[in-house]
Amino acid sequence: MDNQIQFFPDGYSPQPPEKVEIELVEVAVYPDRFRVFVHVVVTPFQQRPNLIMTARDDANNIVAELNIIETMHHDMEFTMHLRSREHDPAGEYTLAIELFYETRNPPQSRHLETFIVPELGA
């Protein structure tokens, strides 16, 4: 009989900062087209990382930003609110996520995800 308590699945134990990366990003546009659901998974960590999430439209304008300081969770979900351009958010967007510890330049891990907000009624 094994008397050890296991807090993490095999091979998924907390890692030191130099091994922490963005592992998964999922983006889904809400039906109202002005909000975006973002699911982010990072490597389980020993020290809490920072993240910056920036959504840009196809003209490279920032339409949403989110700063996460020393997150306590490696599996996170957020809702980002898009600042509309001329009251219609339809179009292509890019979400950039940067993970860092002491300094952001350069980020330790970076992920880009493109998503499309559909036309009204599409």
PDB file of N, CA and C in Angstrom:
ATOM      1  N   MET A   1       0.840  -1.187   0.000  1.00  0.00           N
ATOM      2  CA  MET A   1       0.000   0.000   0.000  1.00  0.00           C
ATOM      3  C   MET A   1       0.882   1.246   0.000  1.00  0.00           C
ATOM      4  N   ASP A   2       0.550   2.203  -0.851  1.00  0.00           N
ATOM      5  CA  ASP A   2       1.297   3.448  -0.971  1.00  0.00           C
ATOM      6  C   ASP A   2       0.703   4.468  -0.012  1.00  0.00           C
ATOM      7  N   ASN A   3       1.503   4.965   0.929  1.00  0.00           N
ATOM      8  CA  ASN A   3       1.026   5.914   1.931  1.00  0.00           C
ATOM      9  C   ASN A   3       1.288   7.363   1.557  1.00  0.00           C
ATOM     10  N   GLN A   4       1.743   7.610   0.337  1.00  0.00           N
ATOM     11  CA  GLN A   4       2.021   8.982  -0.071  1.00  0.00           C
ATOM     12  C   GLN A   4       0.754   9.642  -0.607  1.00  0.00           C
ATOM     13  N   ILE A   5       0.568  10.885  -0.207  1.00  0.00           N
ATOM     14  CA  ILE A   5      -0.549  11.666  -0.722  1.00  0.00           C
ATOM     15  C   ILE A   5      -0.081  12.351  -1.996  1.00  0.00           C
ATOM     16  N   GLN A   6      -0.883  12.241  -3.036  1.00  0.00           N
ATOM     17  CA  GLN A   6      -0.523  12.826  -4.312  1.00  0.00           C
ATOM     18  C   GLN A   6      -1.420  14.033  -4.589  1.00  0.00           C
ATOM     19  N   PHE A   7      -0.812  15.216  -4.723  1.00  0.00           N
ATOM     20  CA  PHE A   7      -1.565  16.439  -4.970  1.00  0.00           C
ATOM     21  C   PHE A   7      -1.690  16.767  -6.451  1.00  0.00           C
ATOM     22  N   PHE A   8      -0.800  16.214  -7.263  1.00  0.00           N
ATOM     23  CA  PHE A   8      -0.788  16.494  -8.696  1.00  0.00           C
ATOM     24  C   PHE A   8      -0.705  15.186  -9.459  1.00  0.00           C
ATOM     25  N   PRO A   9      -1.286  15.129 -10.648  1.00  0.00           N
ATOM     26  CA  PRO A   9      -1.157  13.929 -11.480  1.00  0.00           C
ATOM     27  C   PRO A   9       0.316  13.655 -11.793  1.00  0.00           C
ATOM     28  N   ASP A  10       0.646  12.412 -12.084  1.00  0.00           N
ATOM     29  CA  ASP A  10       2.027  12.055 -12.414  1.00  0.00           C
ATOM     30  C   ASP A  10       2.566  12.943 -13.525  1.00  0.00           C
ATOM     31  N   GLY A  11       3.782  13.430 -13.345  1.00  0.00           N
ATOM     32  CA  GLY A  11       4.424  14.257 -14.352  1.00  0.00           C
ATOM     33  C   GLY A  11       3.896  15.678 -14.423  1.00  0.00           C
ATOM     34  N   TYR A  12       3.099  16.091 -13.458  1.00  0.00           N
ATOM     35  CA  TYR A  12       2.490  17.410 -13.516  1.00  0.00           C
ATOM     36  C   TYR A  12       2.722  18.163 -12.207  1.00  0.00           C
ATOM     37  N   SER A  13       3.925  18.081 -11.688  1.00  0.00           N
ATOM     38  CA  SER A  13       4.246  18.742 -10.427  1.00  0.00           C
ATOM     39  C   SER A  13       4.689  20.184 -10.682  1.00  0.00           C
ATOM     40  N   PRO A  14       4.558  21.058  -9.692  1.00  0.00           N
ATOM     41  CA  PRO A  14       4.943  22.459  -9.859  1.00  0.00           C
ATOM     42  C   PRO A  14       6.400  22.600 -10.293  1.00  0.00           C
ATOM     43  N   GLN A  15       6.625  23.519 -11.224  1.00  0.00           N
ATOM     44  CA  GLN A  15       7.943  23.704 -11.826  1.00  0.00           C
ATOM     45  C   GLN A  15       8.567  25.031 -11.389  1.00  0.00           C
ATOM     46  N   PRO A  16       9.903  25.116 -11.443  1.00  0.00           N
ATOM     47  CA  PRO A  16      10.573  26.384 -11.149  1.00  0.00           C
ATOM     48  C   PRO A  16      10.278  27.396 -12.257  1.00  0.00           C
ATOM     49  N   PRO A  17      10.470  28.677 -11.987  1.00  0.00           N
ATOM     50  CA  PRO A  17      10.103  29.720 -12.957  1.00  0.00           C
ATOM     51  C   PRO A  17      10.645  29.518 -14.366  1.00  0.00           C
ATOM     52  N   GLU A  18      11.866  29.055 -14.506  1.00  0.00           N
ATOM     53  CA  GLU A  18      12.456  28.920 -15.848  1.00  0.00           C
ATOM     54  C   GLU A  18      11.779  27.857 -16.702  1.00  0.00           C
ATOM     55  N   LYS A  19      10.940  27.015 -16.119  1.00  0.00           N
ATOM     56  CA  LYS A  19      10.244  25.967 -16.873  1.00  0.00           C
ATOM     57  C   LYS A  19       8.757  26.261 -17.082  1.00  0.00           C
ATOM     58  N   VAL A  20       8.290  27.407 -16.616  1.00  0.00           N
ATOM     59  CA  VAL A  20       6.867  27.748 -16.717  1.00  0.00           C
ATOM     60  C   VAL A  20       6.588  28.397 -18.073  1.00  0.00           C
ATOM     61  N   GLU A  21       5.574  27.873 -18.769  1.00  0.00           N
ATOM     62  CA  GLU A  21       5.186  28.377 -20.081  1.00  0.00           C
ATOM     63  C   GLU A  21       3.666  28.397 -20.213  1.00  0.00           C
ATOM     64  N   ILE A  22       3.189  29.125 -21.200  1.00  0.00           N
ATOM     65  CA  ILE A  22       1.772  29.090 -21.553  1.00  0.00           C
ATOM     66  C   ILE A  22       1.557  27.789 -22.318  1.00  0.00           C
ATOM     67  N   GLU A  23       0.677  26.938 -21.828  1.00  0.00           N
ATOM     68  CA  GLU A  23       0.470  25.621 -22.438  1.00  0.00           C
ATOM     69  C   GLU A  23      -0.767  25.552 -23.329  1.00  0.00           C
ATOM     70  N   LEU A  24      -1.808  26.301 -22.984  1.00  0.00           N
ATOM     71  CA  LEU A  24      -3.068  26.210 -23.721  1.00  0.00           C
ATOM     72  C   LEU A  24      -3.786  27.550 -23.679  1.00  0.00           C
ATOM     73  N   VAL A  25      -4.340  27.949 -24.819  1.00  0.00           N
ATOM     74  CA  VAL A  25      -5.187  29.142 -24.888  1.00  0.00           C
ATOM     75  C   VAL A  25      -6.408  28.788 -25.727  1.00  0.00           C
ATOM     76  N   GLU A  26      -7.588  29.070 -25.183  1.00  0.00           N
ATOM     77  CA  GLU A  26      -8.846  28.879 -25.911  1.00  0.00           C
ATOM     78  C   GLU A  26      -9.620  30.191 -25.859  1.00  0.00           C
ATOM     79  N   VAL A  27     -10.166  30.585 -26.994  1.00  0.00           N
ATOM     80  CA  VAL A  27     -10.916  31.838 -27.090  1.00  0.00           C
ATOM     81  C   VAL A  27     -12.280  31.538 -27.703  1.00  0.00           C
ATOM     82  N   ALA A  28     -13.339  32.101 -27.114  1.00  0.00           N
ATOM     83  CA  ALA A  28     -14.693  31.954 -27.656  1.00  0.00           C
ATOM     84  C   ALA A  28     -15.415  33.290 -27.510  1.00  0.00           C
ATOM     85  N   VAL A  29     -16.038  33.728 -28.582  1.00  0.00           N
ATOM     86  CA  VAL A  29     -16.781  34.989 -28.574  1.00  0.00           C
ATOM     87  C   VAL A  29     -18.181  34.723 -28.025  1.00  0.00           C
ATOM     88  N   TYR A  30     -18.609  35.548 -27.072  1.00  0.00           N
ATOM     89  CA  TYR A  30     -19.961  35.427 -26.529  1.00  0.00           C
ATOM     90  C   TYR A  30     -20.982  35.860 -27.588  1.00  0.00           C
ATOM     91  N   PRO A  31     -22.234  35.395 -27.469  1.00  0.00           N
ATOM     92  CA  PRO A  31     -23.266  35.751 -28.453  1.00  0.00           C
ATOM     93  C   PRO A  31     -23.496  37.256 -28.604  1.00  0.00           C
ATOM     94  N   ASP A  32     -23.232  38.046 -27.550  1.00  0.00           N
ATOM     95  CA  ASP A  32     -23.437  39.499 -27.666  1.00  0.00           C
ATOM     96  C   ASP A  32     -22.364  40.180 -28.516  1.00  0.00           C
ATOM     97  N   ARG A  33     -21.277  39.439 -28.847  1.00  0.00           N
ATOM     98  CA  ARG A  33     -20.179  39.867 -29.710  1.00  0.00           C
ATOM     99  C   ARG A  33     -19.295  40.953 -29.100  1.00  0.00           C
ATOM    100  N   PHE A  34     -19.572  41.400 -27.894  1.00  0.00           N
ATOM    101  CA  PHE A  34     -18.758  42.422 -27.240  1.00  0.00           C
ATOM    102  C   PHE A  34     -17.901  41.850 -26.114  1.00  0.00           C
ATOM    103  N   ARG A  35     -18.069  40.555 -25.838  1.00  0.00           N
ATOM    104  CA  ARG A  35     -17.291  39.902 -24.786  1.00  0.00           C
ATOM    105  C   ARG A  35     -16.638  38.655 -25.364  1.00  0.00           C
ATOM    106  N   VAL A  36     -15.454  38.345 -24.808  1.00  0.00           N
ATOM    107  CA  VAL A  36     -14.696  37.188 -25.270  1.00  0.00           C
ATOM    108  C   VAL A  36     -14.289  36.363 -24.056  1.00  0.00           C
ATOM    109  N   PHE A  37     -14.593  35.068 -24.097  1.00  0.00           N
ATOM    110  CA  PHE A  37     -14.176  34.133 -23.057  1.00  0.00           C
ATOM    111  C   PHE A  37     -12.763  33.672 -23.388  1.00  0.00           C
ATOM    112  N   VAL A  38     -11.865  33.727 -22.408  1.00  0.00           N
ATOM    113  CA  VAL A  38     -10.479  33.306 -22.612  1.00  0.00           C
ATOM    114  C   VAL A  38     -10.114  32.292 -21.534  1.00  0.00           C
ATOM    115  N   HIS A  39      -9.649  31.131 -21.974  1.00  0.00           N
ATOM    116  CA  HIS A  39      -9.189  30.069 -21.078  1.00  0.00           C
ATOM    117  C   HIS A  39      -7.686  29.934 -21.284  1.00  0.00           C
ATOM    118  N   VAL A  40      -6.916  30.080 -20.203  1.00  0.00           N
ATOM    119  CA  VAL A  40      -5.455  30.007 -20.272  1.00  0.00           C
ATOM    120  C   VAL A  40      -4.964  28.978 -19.266  1.00  0.00           C
ATOM    121  N   VAL A  41      -4.090  28.088 -19.731  1.00  0.00           N
ATOM    122  CA  VAL A  41      -3.449  27.114 -18.848  1.00  0.00           C
ATOM    123  C   VAL A  41      -1.945  27.320 -18.960  1.00  0.00           C
ATOM    124  N   VAL A  42      -1.293  27.465 -17.812  1.00  0.00           N
ATOM    125  CA  VAL A  42       0.161  27.557 -17.781  1.00  0.00           C
ATOM    126  C   VAL A  42       0.705  26.360 -17.009  1.00  0.00           C
ATOM    127  N   THR A  43       1.985  26.110 -17.162  1.00  0.00           N
ATOM    128  CA  THR A  43       2.641  25.033 -16.426  1.00  0.00           C
ATOM    129  C   THR A  43       2.418  25.255 -14.930  1.00  0.00           C
ATOM    130  N   PRO A  44       2.072  24.209 -14.161  1.00  0.00           N
ATOM    131  CA  PRO A  44       1.976  24.381 -12.707  1.00  0.00           C
ATOM    132  C   PRO A  44       3.302  24.950 -12.179  1.00  0.00           C
ATOM    133  N   PHE A  45       3.221  25.893 -11.270  1.00  0.00           N
ATOM    134  CA  PHE A  45       4.403  26.664 -10.891  1.00  0.00           C
ATOM    135  C   PHE A  45       4.686  26.618  -9.398  1.00  0.00           C
ATOM    136  N   GLN A  46       5.970  26.857  -9.071  1.00  0.00           N
ATOM    137  CA  GLN A  46       6.401  26.998  -7.685  1.00  0.00           C
ATOM    138  C   GLN A  46       6.309  28.454  -7.241  1.00  0.00           C
ATOM    139  N   GLN A  47       6.566  29.368  -8.173  1.00  0.00           N
ATOM    140  CA  GLN A  47       6.468  30.805  -7.912  1.00  0.00           C
ATOM    141  C   GLN A  47       5.423  31.390  -8.856  1.00  0.00           C
ATOM    142  N   ARG A  48       4.605  32.275  -8.329  1.00  0.00           N
ATOM    143  CA  ARG A  48       3.470  32.796  -9.094  1.00  0.00           C
ATOM    144  C   ARG A  48       3.904  33.758 -10.207  1.00  0.00           C
ATOM    145  N   PRO A  49       3.483  33.478 -11.446  1.00  0.00           N
ATOM    146  CA  PRO A  49       3.855  34.338 -12.574  1.00  0.00           C
ATOM    147  C   PRO A  49       2.857  35.476 -12.794  1.00  0.00           C
ATOM    148  N   ASN A  50       3.263  36.417 -13.623  1.00  0.00           N
ATOM    149  CA  ASN A  50       2.410  37.513 -14.082  1.00  0.00           C
ATOM    150  C   ASN A  50       2.042  37.249 -15.531  1.00  0.00           C
ATOM    151  N   LEU A  51       0.876  37.724 -15.936  1.00  0.00           N
ATOM    152  CA  LEU A  51       0.473  37.636 -17.339  1.00  0.00           C
ATOM    153  C   LEU A  51      -0.117  38.967 -17.772  1.00  0.00           C
ATOM    154  N   ILE A  52       0.107  39.297 -19.033  1.00  0.00           N
ATOM    155  CA  ILE A  52      -0.547  40.446 -19.654  1.00  0.00           C
ATOM    156  C   ILE A  52      -1.240  39.937 -20.905  1.00  0.00           C
ATOM    157  N   MET A  53      -2.526  40.254 -21.024  1.00  0.00           N
ATOM    158  CA  MET A  53      -3.310  39.848 -22.188  1.00  0.00           C
ATOM    159  C   MET A  53      -3.768  41.113 -22.908  1.00  0.00           C
ATOM    160  N   THR A  54      -3.520  41.173 -24.214  1.00  0.00           N
ATOM    161  CA  THR A  54      -3.888  42.335 -25.017  1.00  0.00           C
ATOM    162  C   THR A  54      -4.596  41.875 -26.278  1.00  0.00           C
ATOM    163  N   ALA A  55      -5.808  42.384 -26.499  1.00  0.00           N
ATOM    164  CA  ALA A  55      -6.547  42.086 -27.730  1.00  0.00           C
ATOM    165  C   ALA A  55      -6.452  43.301 -28.641  1.00  0.00           C
ATOM    166  N   ARG A  56      -6.130  43.040 -29.913  1.00  0.00           N
ATOM    167  CA  ARG A  56      -6.006  44.111 -30.909  1.00  0.00           C
ATOM    168  C   ARG A  56      -6.903  43.796 -32.097  1.00  0.00           C
ATOM    169  N   ASP A  57      -7.457  44.854 -32.694  1.00  0.00           N
ATOM    170  CA  ASP A  57      -8.279  44.659 -33.886  1.00  0.00           C
ATOM    171  C   ASP A  57      -7.385  44.573 -35.117  1.00  0.00           C
ATOM    172  N   ASP A  58      -7.990  44.453 -36.291  1.00  0.00           N
ATOM    173  CA  ASP A  58      -7.203  44.277 -37.515  1.00  0.00           C
ATOM    174  C   ASP A  58      -6.425  45.528 -37.915  1.00  0.00           C
ATOM    175  N   ALA A  59      -6.712  46.673 -37.280  1.00  0.00           N
ATOM    176  CA  ALA A  59      -5.943  47.898 -37.507  1.00  0.00           C
ATOM    177  C   ALA A  59      -4.866  48.071 -36.435  1.00  0.00           C
ATOM    178  N   ASN A  60      -4.671  47.032 -35.611  1.00  0.00           N
ATOM    179  CA  ASN A  60      -3.673  46.989 -34.541  1.00  0.00           C
ATOM    180  C   ASN A  60      -3.996  47.924 -33.371  1.00  0.00           C
ATOM    181  N   ASN A  61      -5.254  48.340 -33.236  1.00  0.00           N
ATOM    182  CA  ASN A  61      -5.686  49.140 -32.092  1.00  0.00           C
ATOM    183  C   ASN A  61      -5.961  48.222 -30.909  1.00  0.00           C
ATOM    184  N   ILE A  62      -5.540  48.625 -29.722  1.00  0.00           N
ATOM    185  CA  ILE A  62      -5.839  47.852 -28.519  1.00  0.00           C
ATOM    186  C   ILE A  62      -7.313  48.033 -28.190  1.00  0.00           C
ATOM    187  N   VAL A  63      -8.041  46.903 -28.087  1.00  0.00           N
ATOM    188  CA  VAL A  63      -9.476  46.962 -27.788  1.00  0.00           C
ATOM    189  C   VAL A  63      -9.817  46.338 -26.438  1.00  0.00           C
ATOM    190  N   ALA A  64      -8.841  45.650 -25.825  1.00  0.00           N
ATOM    191  CA  ALA A  64      -9.042  45.086 -24.487  1.00  0.00           C
ATOM    192  C   ALA A  64      -7.679  44.735 -23.903  1.00  0.00           C
ATOM    193  N   GLU A  65      -7.542  44.932 -22.591  1.00  0.00           N
ATOM    194  CA  GLU A  65      -6.308  44.576 -21.890  1.00  0.00           C
ATOM    195  C   GLU A  65      -6.649  43.976 -20.543  1.00  0.00           C
ATOM    196  N   LEU A  66      -5.780  43.093 -20.093  1.00  0.00           N
ATOM    197  CA  LEU A  66      -5.962  42.464 -18.792  1.00  0.00           C
ATOM    198  C   LEU A  66      -4.589  42.158 -18.214  1.00  0.00           C
ATOM    199  N   ASN A  67      -4.350  42.606 -16.976  1.00  0.00           N
ATOM    200  CA  ASN A  67      -3.099  42.323 -16.275  1.00  0.00           C
ATOM    201  C   ASN A  67      -3.395  41.382 -15.122  1.00  0.00           C
ATOM    202  N   ILE A  68      -2.676  40.287 -15.052  1.00  0.00           N
ATOM    203  CA  ILE A  68      -2.830  39.321 -13.971  1.00  0.00           C
ATOM    204  C   ILE A  68      -1.515  39.319 -13.205  1.00  0.00           C
ATOM    205  N   ILE A  69      -1.561  39.755 -11.960  1.00  0.00           N
ATOM    206  CA  ILE A  69      -0.358  39.877 -11.153  1.00  0.00           C
ATOM    207  C   ILE A  69      -0.277  38.700 -10.188  1.00  0.00           C
ATOM    208  N   GLU A  70       0.802  37.943 -10.297  1.00  0.00           N
ATOM    209  CA  GLU A  70       1.082  36.794  -9.427  1.00  0.00           C
ATOM    210  C   GLU A  70      -0.138  35.892  -9.245  1.00  0.00           C
ATOM    211  N   THR A  71      -0.616  35.344 -10.337  1.00  0.00           N
ATOM    212  CA  THR A  71      -1.770  34.450 -10.276  1.00  0.00           C
ATOM    213  C   THR A  71      -1.513  33.278  -9.334  1.00  0.00           C
ATOM    214  N   MET A  72      -2.554  32.821  -8.688  1.00  0.00           N
ATOM    215  CA  MET A  72      -2.446  31.671  -7.794  1.00  0.00           C
ATOM    216  C   MET A  72      -2.835  30.378  -8.493  1.00  0.00           C
ATOM    217  N   HIS A  73      -3.379  30.480  -9.715  1.00  0.00           N
ATOM    218  CA  HIS A  73      -3.920  29.313 -10.399  1.00  0.00           C
ATOM    219  C   HIS A  73      -3.218  29.089 -11.731  1.00  0.00           C
ATOM    220  N   HIS A  74      -2.971  27.834 -12.066  1.00  0.00           N
ATOM    221  CA  HIS A  74      -2.343  27.558 -13.364  1.00  0.00           C
ATOM    222  C   HIS A  74      -3.391  27.389 -14.466  1.00  0.00           C
ATOM    223  N   ASP A  75      -4.654  27.204 -14.092  1.00  0.00           N
ATOM    224  CA  ASP A  75      -5.756  27.046 -15.042  1.00  0.00           C
ATOM    225  C   ASP A  75      -6.731  28.201 -14.792  1.00  0.00           C
ATOM    226  N   MET A  76      -6.821  29.126 -15.754  1.00  0.00           N
ATOM    227  CA  MET A  76      -7.548  30.380 -15.528  1.00  0.00           C
ATOM    228  C   MET A  76      -8.588  30.630 -16.615  1.00  0.00           C
ATOM    229  N   GLU A  77      -9.657  31.323 -16.242  1.00  0.00           N
ATOM    230  CA  GLU A  77     -10.701  31.726 -17.184  1.00  0.00           C
ATOM    231  C   GLU A  77     -11.028  33.194 -16.949  1.00  0.00           C
ATOM    232  N   PHE A  78     -11.176  33.925 -18.059  1.00  0.00           N
ATOM    233  CA  PHE A  78     -11.458  35.354 -17.984  1.00  0.00           C
ATOM    234  C   PHE A  78     -12.510  35.729 -19.020  1.00  0.00           C
ATOM    235  N   THR A  79     -13.172  36.857 -18.779  1.00  0.00           N
ATOM    236  CA  THR A  79     -14.030  37.470 -19.785  1.00  0.00           C
ATOM    237  C   THR A  79     -13.446  38.836 -20.096  1.00  0.00           C
ATOM    238  N   MET A  80     -13.106  39.041 -21.367  1.00  0.00           N
ATOM    239  CA  MET A  80     -12.583  40.335 -21.803  1.00  0.00           C
ATOM    240  C   MET A  80     -13.700  41.078 -22.536  1.00  0.00           C
ATOM    241  N   HIS A  81     -13.820  42.368 -22.261  1.00  0.00           N
ATOM    242  CA  HIS A  81     -14.835  43.209 -22.896  1.00  0.00           C
ATOM    243  C   HIS A  81     -14.166  44.017 -23.999  1.00  0.00           C
ATOM    244  N   LEU A  82     -14.654  43.859 -25.220  1.00  0.00           N
ATOM    245  CA  LEU A  82     -14.079  44.557 -26.365  1.00  0.00           C
ATOM    246  C   LEU A  82     -14.625  45.976 -26.447  1.00  0.00           C
ATOM    247  N   ARG A  83     -13.715  46.930 -26.542  1.00  0.00           N
ATOM    248  CA  ARG A  83     -14.135  48.308 -26.800  1.00  0.00           C
ATOM    249  C   ARG A  83     -14.435  48.362 -28.290  1.00  0.00           C
ATOM    250  N   SER A  84     -15.681  48.608 -28.608  1.00  0.00           N
ATOM    251  CA  SER A  84     -16.106  48.510 -30.008  1.00  0.00           C
ATOM    252  C   SER A  84     -15.585  49.671 -30.829  1.00  0.00           C
ATOM    253  N   ARG A  85     -15.463  49.402 -32.088  1.00  0.00           N
ATOM    254  CA  ARG A  85     -15.131  50.460 -33.036  1.00  0.00           C
ATOM    255  C   ARG A  85     -16.426  50.804 -33.758  1.00  0.00           C
ATOM    256  N   GLU A  86     -16.901  52.011 -33.563  1.00  0.00           N
ATOM    257  CA  GLU A  86     -18.133  52.464 -34.200  1.00  0.00           C
ATOM    258  C   GLU A  86     -19.321  51.560 -33.875  1.00  0.00           C
ATOM    259  N   HIS A  87     -19.351  51.016 -32.691  1.00  0.00           N
ATOM    260  CA  HIS A  87     -20.464  50.236 -32.156  1.00  0.00           C
ATOM    261  C   HIS A  87     -20.695  48.886 -32.834  1.00  0.00           C
ATOM    262  N   ASP A  88     -19.813  48.455 -33.711  1.00  0.00           N
ATOM    263  CA  ASP A  88     -19.938  47.114 -34.294  1.00  0.00           C
ATOM    264  C   ASP A  88     -18.597  46.411 -34.160  1.00  0.00           C
ATOM    265  N   PRO A  89     -18.518  45.389 -33.316  1.00  0.00           N
ATOM    266  CA  PRO A  89     -17.233  44.733 -33.075  1.00  0.00           C
ATOM    267  C   PRO A  89     -16.824  43.710 -34.135  1.00  0.00           C
ATOM    268  N   ALA A  90     -17.625  43.503 -35.174  1.00  0.00           N
ATOM    269  CA  ALA A  90     -17.322  42.462 -36.169  1.00  0.00           C
ATOM    270  C   ALA A  90     -15.939  42.667 -36.771  1.00  0.00           C
ATOM    271  N   GLY A  91     -15.211  41.554 -36.908  1.00  0.00           N
ATOM    272  CA  GLY A  91     -13.895  41.618 -37.535  1.00  0.00           C
ATOM    273  C   GLY A  91     -12.932  40.620 -36.940  1.00  0.00           C
ATOM    274  N   GLU A  92     -11.688  40.698 -37.404  1.00  0.00           N
ATOM    275  CA  GLU A  92     -10.635  39.791 -36.944  1.00  0.00           C
ATOM    276  C   GLU A  92      -9.815  40.465 -35.845  1.00  0.00           C
ATOM    277  N   TYR A  93      -9.482  39.689 -34.823  1.00  0.00           N
ATOM    278  CA  TYR A  93      -8.727  40.182 -33.676  1.00  0.00           C
ATOM    279  C   TYR A  93      -7.569  39.240 -33.387  1.00  0.00           C
ATOM    280  N   THR A  94      -6.555  39.787 -32.709  1.00  0.00           N
ATOM    281  CA  THR A  94      -5.431  38.980 -32.246  1.00  0.00           C
ATOM    282  C   THR A  94      -5.285  39.190 -30.750  1.00  0.00           C
ATOM    283  N   LEU A  95      -5.226  38.085 -30.019  1.00  0.00           N
ATOM    284  CA  LEU A  95      -5.009  38.120 -28.580  1.00  0.00           C
ATOM    285  C   LEU A  95      -3.566  37.714 -28.317  1.00  0.00           C
ATOM    286  N   ALA A  96      -2.811  38.598 -27.669  1.00  0.00           N
ATOM    287  CA  ALA A  96      -1.430  38.303 -27.289  1.00  0.00           C
ATOM    288  C   ALA A  96      -1.391  38.096 -25.783  1.00  0.00           C
ATOM    289  N   ILE A  97      -0.783  36.991 -25.364  1.00  0.00           N
ATOM    290  CA  ILE A  97      -0.634  36.705 -23.938  1.00  0.00           C
ATOM    291  C   ILE A  97       0.853  36.564 -23.656  1.00  0.00           C
ATOM    292  N   GLU A  98       1.329  37.305 -22.662  1.00  0.00           N
ATOM    293  CA  GLU A  98       2.729  37.243 -22.260  1.00  0.00           C
ATOM    294  C   GLU A  98       2.811  36.819 -20.806  1.00  0.00           C
ATOM    295  N   LEU A  99       3.697  35.875 -20.520  1.00  0.00           N
ATOM    296  CA  LEU A  99       3.943  35.397 -19.164  1.00  0.00           C
ATOM    297  C   LEU A  99       5.339  35.854 -18.779  1.00  0.00           C
ATOM    298  N   PHE A 100       5.467  36.402 -17.571  1.00  0.00           N
ATOM    299  CA  PHE A 100       6.782  36.866 -17.128  1.00  0.00           C
ATOM    300  C   PHE A 100       6.858  36.850 -15.606  1.00  0.00           C
ATOM    301  N   TYR A 101       8.083  36.981 -15.108  1.00  0.00           N
ATOM    302  CA  TYR A 101       8.320  37.062 -13.668  1.00  0.00           C
ATOM    303  C   TYR A 101       8.826  38.457 -13.312  1.00  0.00           C
ATOM    304  N   GLU A 102      10.128  38.658 -13.270  1.00  0.00           N
ATOM    305  CA  GLU A 102      10.687  39.939 -12.852  1.00  0.00           C
ATOM    306  C   GLU A 102      10.521  41.024 -13.905  1.00  0.00           C
ATOM    307  N   THR A 103      10.797  40.688 -15.149  1.00  0.00           N
ATOM    308  CA  THR A 103      10.738  41.685 -16.200  1.00  0.00           C
ATOM    309  C   THR A 103       9.957  41.152 -17.391  1.00  0.00           C
ATOM    310  N   ARG A 104       9.288  42.052 -18.060  1.00  0.00           N
ATOM    311  CA  ARG A 104       8.470  41.665 -19.212  1.00  0.00           C
ATOM    312  C   ARG A 104       9.280  41.642 -20.506  1.00  0.00           C
ATOM    313  N   ASN A 105      10.425  42.296 -20.503  1.00  0.00           N
ATOM    314  CA  ASN A 105      11.225  42.412 -21.724  1.00  0.00           C
ATOM    315  C   ASN A 105      12.492  41.584 -21.641  1.00  0.00           C
ATOM    316  N   PRO A 106      12.573  40.464 -22.284  1.00  0.00           N
ATOM    317  CA  PRO A 106      11.509  39.827 -23.060  1.00  0.00           C
ATOM    318  C   PRO A 106      10.622  38.969 -22.158  1.00  0.00           C
ATOM    319  N   PRO A 107       9.392  38.666 -22.596  1.00  0.00           N
ATOM    320  CA  PRO A 107       8.546  37.766 -21.802  1.00  0.00           C
ATOM    321  C   PRO A 107       9.123  36.355 -21.812  1.00  0.00           C
ATOM    322  N   GLN A 108       8.846  35.620 -20.776  1.00  0.00           N
ATOM    323  CA  GLN A 108       9.330  34.239 -20.683  1.00  0.00           C
ATOM    324  C   GLN A 108       8.594  33.318 -21.648  1.00  0.00           C
ATOM    325  N   SER A 109       7.301  33.583 -21.835  1.00  0.00           N
ATOM    326  CA  SER A 109       6.490  32.795 -22.759  1.00  0.00           C
ATOM    327  C   SER A 109       5.487  33.739 -23.407  1.00  0.00           C
ATOM    328  N   ARG A 110       5.234  33.532 -24.690  1.00  0.00           N
ATOM    329  CA  ARG A 110       4.291  34.397 -25.417  1.00  0.00           C
ATOM    330  C   ARG A 110       3.429  33.525 -26.318  1.00  0.00           C
ATOM    331  N   HIS A 111       2.150  33.883 -26.409  1.00  0.00           N
ATOM    332  CA  HIS A 111       1.223  33.129 -27.259  1.00  0.00           C
ATOM    333  C   HIS A 111       0.330  34.123 -27.998  1.00  0.00           C
ATOM    334  N   LEU A 112       0.145  33.900 -29.297  1.00  0.00           N
ATOM    335  CA  LEU A 112      -0.776  34.697 -30.107  1.00  0.00           C
ATOM    336  C   LEU A 112      -1.930  33.816 -30.550  1.00  0.00           C
ATOM    337  N   GLU A 113      -3.129  34.341 -30.442  1.00  0.00           N
ATOM    338  CA  GLU A 113      -4.333  33.605 -30.845  1.00  0.00           C
ATOM    339  C   GLU A 113      -5.218  34.555 -31.642  1.00  0.00           C
ATOM    340  N   THR A 114      -5.599  34.158 -32.837  1.00  0.00           N
ATOM    341  CA  THR A 114      -6.481  34.968 -33.673  1.00  0.00           C
ATOM    342  C   THR A 114      -7.915  34.477 -33.509  1.00  0.00           C
ATOM    343  N   PHE A 115      -8.856  35.425 -33.449  1.00  0.00           N
ATOM    344  CA  PHE A 115     -10.268  35.055 -33.379  1.00  0.00           C
ATOM    345  C   PHE A 115     -11.084  36.053 -34.185  1.00  0.00           C
ATOM    346  N   ILE A 116     -12.275  35.637 -34.567  1.00  0.00           N
ATOM    347  CA  ILE A 116     -13.146  36.470 -35.395  1.00  0.00           C
ATOM    348  C   ILE A 116     -14.468  36.708 -34.676  1.00  0.00           C
ATOM    349  N   VAL A 117     -14.858  37.974 -34.611  1.00  0.00           N
ATOM    350  CA  VAL A 117     -16.187  38.334 -34.128  1.00  0.00           C
ATOM    351  C   VAL A 117     -17.065  38.420 -35.372  1.00  0.00           C
ATOM    352  N   PRO A 118     -18.111  37.588 -35.448  1.00  0.00           N
ATOM    353  CA  PRO A 118     -18.931  37.543 -36.671  1.00  0.00           C
ATOM    354  C   PRO A 118     -19.795  38.789 -36.850  1.00  0.00           C
ATOM    355  N   GLU A 119     -20.235  38.980 -38.076  1.00  0.00           N
ATOM    356  CA  GLU A 119     -21.189  40.052 -38.381  1.00  0.00           C
ATOM    357  C   GLU A 119     -22.492  39.778 -37.629  1.00  0.00           C
ATOM    358  N   LEU A 120     -23.235  40.811 -37.341  1.00  0.00           N
ATOM    359  CA  LEU A 120     -24.520  40.665 -36.669  1.00  0.00           C
ATOM    360  C   LEU A 120     -25.443  39.796 -37.517  1.00  0.00           C
ATOM    361  N   GLY A 121     -26.022  38.776 -36.911  1.00  0.00           N
ATOM    362  CA  GLY A 121     -26.935  37.876 -37.602  1.00  0.00           C
ATOM    363  C   GLY A 121     -26.259  36.765 -38.379  1.00  0.00           C
ATOM    364  N   ALA A 122     -24.937  36.719 -38.329  1.00  0.00           N
ATOM    365  CA  ALA A 122     -24.217  35.672 -39.085  1.00  0.00           C
ATOM    366  C   ALA A 122     -24.199  34.361 -38.332  1.00  0.00           C
TER     367      ALA A 122
END
